[in-house]
């Protein structure tokens, strides 16, 4: 099972393909030190063969934020919650 699926299950969020892909994209962005905006995240998902409209993407981001998995950085974009960015 992928790390993203385990994180979603542990936080009580239903596992969906879009939620897994969003967490993966944000993990890659975090490793590069970037907090992507909604548009940048949508572009990233489309570029990796996962086309998604803004409405569903916004819903996923808000759901993951309410579950404590993401942090909204205002106009700067989205990032993983600090707990998820720590390395063992």
N, C-alpha and C. Protein backbone atom coordinates (compact mmCIF):
# COMPACT_ATOMS: atom_id res chain seq x y z
N UNK A 1 0.84 -1.18 0.00
CA UNK A 1 0.00 0.00 0.00
C UNK A 1 0.89 1.25 0.00
N UNK A 2 0.51 2.24 -0.78
CA UNK A 2 1.34 3.45 -0.87
C UNK A 2 1.25 4.26 0.41
N UNK A 3 2.26 5.05 0.62
CA UNK A 3 2.32 5.91 1.80
C UNK A 3 1.12 6.87 1.83
N UNK A 4 0.75 7.41 0.67
CA UNK A 4 -0.37 8.34 0.62
C UNK A 4 -1.67 7.67 1.03
N UNK A 5 -1.87 6.42 0.61
CA UNK A 5 -3.08 5.68 1.00
C UNK A 5 -3.11 5.44 2.51
N UNK A 6 -1.96 5.11 3.06
CA UNK A 6 -1.87 4.89 4.50
C UNK A 6 -2.17 6.17 5.28
N UNK A 7 -1.66 7.29 4.79
CA UNK A 7 -1.91 8.58 5.44
C UNK A 7 -3.39 8.91 5.41
N UNK A 8 -4.02 8.72 4.26
CA UNK A 8 -5.45 9.01 4.15
C UNK A 8 -6.26 8.13 5.10
N UNK A 9 -5.97 6.83 5.11
CA UNK A 9 -6.70 5.91 5.99
C UNK A 9 -6.50 6.27 7.45
N UNK A 10 -5.27 6.57 7.83
CA UNK A 10 -4.97 6.88 9.22
C UNK A 10 -5.67 8.16 9.68
N UNK A 11 -5.91 9.08 8.75
CA UNK A 11 -6.57 10.34 9.11
C UNK A 11 -8.09 10.24 9.01
N UNK A 12 -8.58 9.09 8.59
CA UNK A 12 -10.03 8.89 8.50
C UNK A 12 -10.65 9.45 7.24
N UNK A 13 -9.83 9.75 6.25
CA UNK A 13 -10.32 10.27 4.98
C UNK A 13 -10.44 9.12 3.99
N UNK A 14 -11.56 9.09 3.28
CA UNK A 14 -11.76 8.03 2.28
C UNK A 14 -10.68 8.13 1.21
N UNK A 15 -10.13 7.00 0.84
CA UNK A 15 -9.07 6.94 -0.17
C UNK A 15 -9.70 7.00 -1.56
N UNK A 16 -9.31 8.01 -2.33
CA UNK A 16 -9.71 8.11 -3.73
C UNK A 16 -8.45 8.35 -4.56
N UNK A 17 -8.53 8.06 -5.83
CA UNK A 17 -7.38 8.25 -6.70
C UNK A 17 -6.95 9.72 -6.72
N UNK A 18 -7.91 10.64 -6.80
CA UNK A 18 -7.55 12.06 -6.86
C UNK A 18 -6.87 12.50 -5.57
N UNK A 19 -7.32 12.05 -4.43
CA UNK A 19 -6.69 12.43 -3.16
C UNK A 19 -5.26 11.90 -3.09
N UNK A 20 -5.06 10.68 -3.55
CA UNK A 20 -3.71 10.10 -3.57
C UNK A 20 -2.80 10.91 -4.49
N UNK A 21 -3.30 11.24 -5.69
CA UNK A 21 -2.51 11.99 -6.67
C UNK A 21 -2.18 13.39 -6.15
N UNK A 22 -3.13 14.03 -5.46
CA UNK A 22 -2.88 15.36 -4.89
C UNK A 22 -1.78 15.28 -3.83
N UNK A 23 -1.86 14.29 -2.96
CA UNK A 23 -0.81 14.13 -1.93
C UNK A 23 0.54 13.86 -2.56
N UNK A 24 0.57 13.05 -3.61
CA UNK A 24 1.84 12.77 -4.30
C UNK A 24 2.42 14.04 -4.92
N UNK A 25 1.56 14.82 -5.59
CA UNK A 25 2.02 16.05 -6.23
C UNK A 25 2.53 17.05 -5.19
N UNK A 26 1.83 17.14 -4.06
CA UNK A 26 2.26 18.06 -3.01
C UNK A 26 3.54 17.58 -2.33
N UNK A 27 3.71 16.29 -2.24
CA UNK A 27 4.95 15.75 -1.66
C UNK A 27 6.14 16.12 -2.55
N UNK A 28 5.99 15.97 -3.86
CA UNK A 28 7.06 16.35 -4.79
C UNK A 28 7.35 17.84 -4.71
N UNK A 29 6.29 18.64 -4.63
CA UNK A 29 6.48 20.08 -4.54
C UNK A 29 7.19 20.45 -3.24
N UNK A 30 6.83 19.79 -2.16
CA UNK A 30 7.44 20.05 -0.86
C UNK A 30 8.93 19.72 -0.89
N UNK A 31 9.30 18.64 -1.56
CA UNK A 31 10.70 18.26 -1.67
C UNK A 31 11.50 19.31 -2.44
N UNK A 32 10.82 20.05 -3.33
CA UNK A 32 11.47 21.11 -4.10
C UNK A 32 11.36 22.46 -3.39
N UNK A 33 10.67 22.49 -2.24
CA UNK A 33 10.52 23.74 -1.50
C UNK A 33 9.48 24.68 -2.08
N UNK A 34 8.48 24.12 -2.76
CA UNK A 34 7.45 24.92 -3.43
C UNK A 34 6.10 24.65 -2.79
N UNK A 35 5.27 25.70 -2.69
CA UNK A 35 3.89 25.56 -2.24
C UNK A 35 3.01 25.93 -3.43
N UNK A 36 2.56 24.96 -4.22
CA UNK A 36 1.86 25.27 -5.47
C UNK A 36 0.47 25.86 -5.22
N UNK A 37 0.07 26.75 -6.11
CA UNK A 37 -1.29 27.29 -6.10
C UNK A 37 -2.23 26.25 -6.68
N UNK A 38 -3.51 26.53 -6.62
CA UNK A 38 -4.51 25.64 -7.21
C UNK A 38 -4.23 25.43 -8.69
N UNK A 39 -3.95 26.51 -9.40
CA UNK A 39 -3.68 26.42 -10.84
C UNK A 39 -2.42 25.62 -11.13
N UNK A 40 -1.37 25.86 -10.35
CA UNK A 40 -0.12 25.13 -10.56
C UNK A 40 -0.30 23.64 -10.26
N UNK A 41 -1.07 23.34 -9.24
CA UNK A 41 -1.33 21.95 -8.89
C UNK A 41 -2.16 21.27 -9.98
N UNK A 42 -3.14 21.99 -10.50
CA UNK A 42 -3.95 21.45 -11.59
C UNK A 42 -3.08 21.20 -12.81
N UNK A 43 -2.21 22.13 -13.14
CA UNK A 43 -1.31 21.96 -14.29
C UNK A 43 -0.41 20.75 -14.10
N UNK A 44 0.09 20.57 -12.87
CA UNK A 44 0.96 19.42 -12.55
C UNK A 44 0.22 18.11 -12.74
N UNK A 45 -1.01 18.05 -12.26
CA UNK A 45 -1.80 16.83 -12.39
C UNK A 45 -2.11 16.53 -13.86
N UNK A 46 -2.44 17.56 -14.62
CA UNK A 46 -2.72 17.37 -16.05
C UNK A 46 -1.47 16.88 -16.77
N UNK A 47 -0.32 17.45 -16.43
CA UNK A 47 0.94 17.06 -17.07
C UNK A 47 1.31 15.61 -16.78
N UNK A 48 0.86 15.08 -15.66
CA UNK A 48 1.17 13.69 -15.32
C UNK A 48 0.06 12.73 -15.74
N UNK A 49 -0.86 13.22 -16.59
CA UNK A 49 -1.90 12.35 -17.13
C UNK A 49 -3.10 12.17 -16.22
N UNK A 50 -3.31 13.12 -15.32
CA UNK A 50 -4.45 13.06 -14.41
C UNK A 50 -5.29 14.33 -14.54
N UNK A 51 -6.02 14.46 -15.64
CA UNK A 51 -6.80 15.68 -15.84
C UNK A 51 -7.89 15.81 -14.78
N UNK A 52 -8.02 17.01 -14.25
CA UNK A 52 -9.01 17.27 -13.21
C UNK A 52 -9.47 18.72 -13.34
N UNK A 53 -10.75 18.94 -13.13
CA UNK A 53 -11.30 20.29 -13.15
C UNK A 53 -11.00 20.98 -11.82
N UNK A 54 -11.09 22.30 -11.81
CA UNK A 54 -10.77 23.05 -10.60
C UNK A 54 -11.74 22.78 -9.45
N UNK A 55 -13.01 22.61 -9.76
CA UNK A 55 -14.00 22.38 -8.70
C UNK A 55 -13.68 21.16 -7.85
N UNK A 56 -13.55 19.98 -8.47
CA UNK A 56 -13.20 18.79 -7.68
C UNK A 56 -11.85 18.90 -7.00
N UNK A 57 -10.88 19.56 -7.65
CA UNK A 57 -9.57 19.73 -7.04
C UNK A 57 -9.67 20.61 -5.80
N UNK A 58 -10.43 21.68 -5.89
CA UNK A 58 -10.63 22.57 -4.75
C UNK A 58 -11.30 21.82 -3.60
N UNK A 59 -12.28 20.98 -3.92
CA UNK A 59 -12.96 20.19 -2.88
C UNK A 59 -11.98 19.24 -2.18
N UNK A 60 -11.13 18.59 -2.95
CA UNK A 60 -10.14 17.67 -2.37
C UNK A 60 -9.18 18.44 -1.47
N UNK A 61 -8.70 19.58 -1.92
CA UNK A 61 -7.78 20.37 -1.12
C UNK A 61 -8.42 20.80 0.20
N UNK A 62 -9.66 21.26 0.13
CA UNK A 62 -10.37 21.68 1.35
C UNK A 62 -10.61 20.51 2.29
N UNK A 63 -10.94 19.35 1.74
CA UNK A 63 -11.16 18.16 2.57
C UNK A 63 -9.87 17.74 3.26
N UNK A 64 -8.77 17.73 2.53
CA UNK A 64 -7.49 17.35 3.12
C UNK A 64 -7.01 18.38 4.14
N UNK A 65 -7.34 19.65 3.90
CA UNK A 65 -7.00 20.69 4.88
C UNK A 65 -7.81 20.49 6.16
N UNK A 66 -9.10 20.20 6.03
CA UNK A 66 -9.93 20.01 7.22
C UNK A 66 -9.53 18.76 8.00
N UNK A 67 -8.91 17.79 7.31
CA UNK A 67 -8.42 16.58 7.99
C UNK A 67 -7.05 16.80 8.62
N UNK A 68 -6.47 17.98 8.41
CA UNK A 68 -5.17 18.30 8.99
C UNK A 68 -3.98 17.82 8.20
N UNK A 69 -4.22 17.43 6.95
CA UNK A 69 -3.13 16.90 6.12
C UNK A 69 -2.43 17.98 5.30
N UNK A 70 -3.13 19.09 5.04
CA UNK A 70 -2.58 20.18 4.24
C UNK A 70 -2.69 21.49 5.01
N UNK A 71 -1.85 22.42 4.59
CA UNK A 71 -1.89 23.77 5.13
C UNK A 71 -2.02 24.72 3.94
N UNK A 72 -2.99 25.62 4.05
CA UNK A 72 -3.14 26.63 3.00
C UNK A 72 -2.26 27.82 3.36
N UNK A 73 -1.44 28.22 2.44
CA UNK A 73 -0.48 29.30 2.67
C UNK A 73 -0.98 30.62 2.07
N UNK A 74 -2.27 30.86 2.15
CA UNK A 74 -2.84 32.09 1.60
C UNK A 74 -2.61 32.17 0.11
N UNK A 75 -2.06 33.27 -0.33
CA UNK A 75 -1.80 33.46 -1.76
C UNK A 75 -0.59 32.66 -2.24
N UNK A 76 0.17 32.11 -1.31
CA UNK A 76 1.37 31.37 -1.67
C UNK A 76 1.07 29.96 -2.17
N UNK A 77 -0.06 29.39 -1.81
CA UNK A 77 -0.42 28.06 -2.27
C UNK A 77 -0.66 27.08 -1.15
N UNK A 78 -0.48 25.81 -1.45
CA UNK A 78 -0.75 24.71 -0.53
C UNK A 78 0.51 23.94 -0.22
N UNK A 79 0.57 23.36 0.96
CA UNK A 79 1.69 22.49 1.31
C UNK A 79 1.21 21.41 2.26
N UNK A 80 2.03 20.40 2.41
CA UNK A 80 1.71 19.34 3.36
C UNK A 80 1.80 19.90 4.76
N UNK A 81 1.01 19.34 5.66
CA UNK A 81 1.08 19.74 7.06
C UNK A 81 2.47 19.44 7.59
N UNK A 82 2.98 20.26 8.51
CA UNK A 82 4.34 20.07 9.01
C UNK A 82 4.62 18.64 9.51
N UNK A 83 3.65 18.01 10.12
CA UNK A 83 3.84 16.65 10.61
C UNK A 83 4.20 15.69 9.50
N UNK A 84 3.64 15.91 8.30
CA UNK A 84 3.88 15.00 7.17
C UNK A 84 5.20 15.27 6.46
N UNK A 85 5.82 16.41 6.74
CA UNK A 85 7.06 16.74 6.03
C UNK A 85 8.29 16.33 6.81
N UNK A 86 8.12 15.85 8.03
CA UNK A 86 9.27 15.42 8.84
C UNK A 86 9.82 14.10 8.30
N UNK A 87 11.11 14.02 8.31
CA UNK A 87 11.80 12.78 7.88
C UNK A 87 12.20 11.99 9.12
N UNK A 88 12.02 10.65 9.09
CA UNK A 88 12.42 9.83 10.26
C UNK A 88 13.92 9.80 10.45
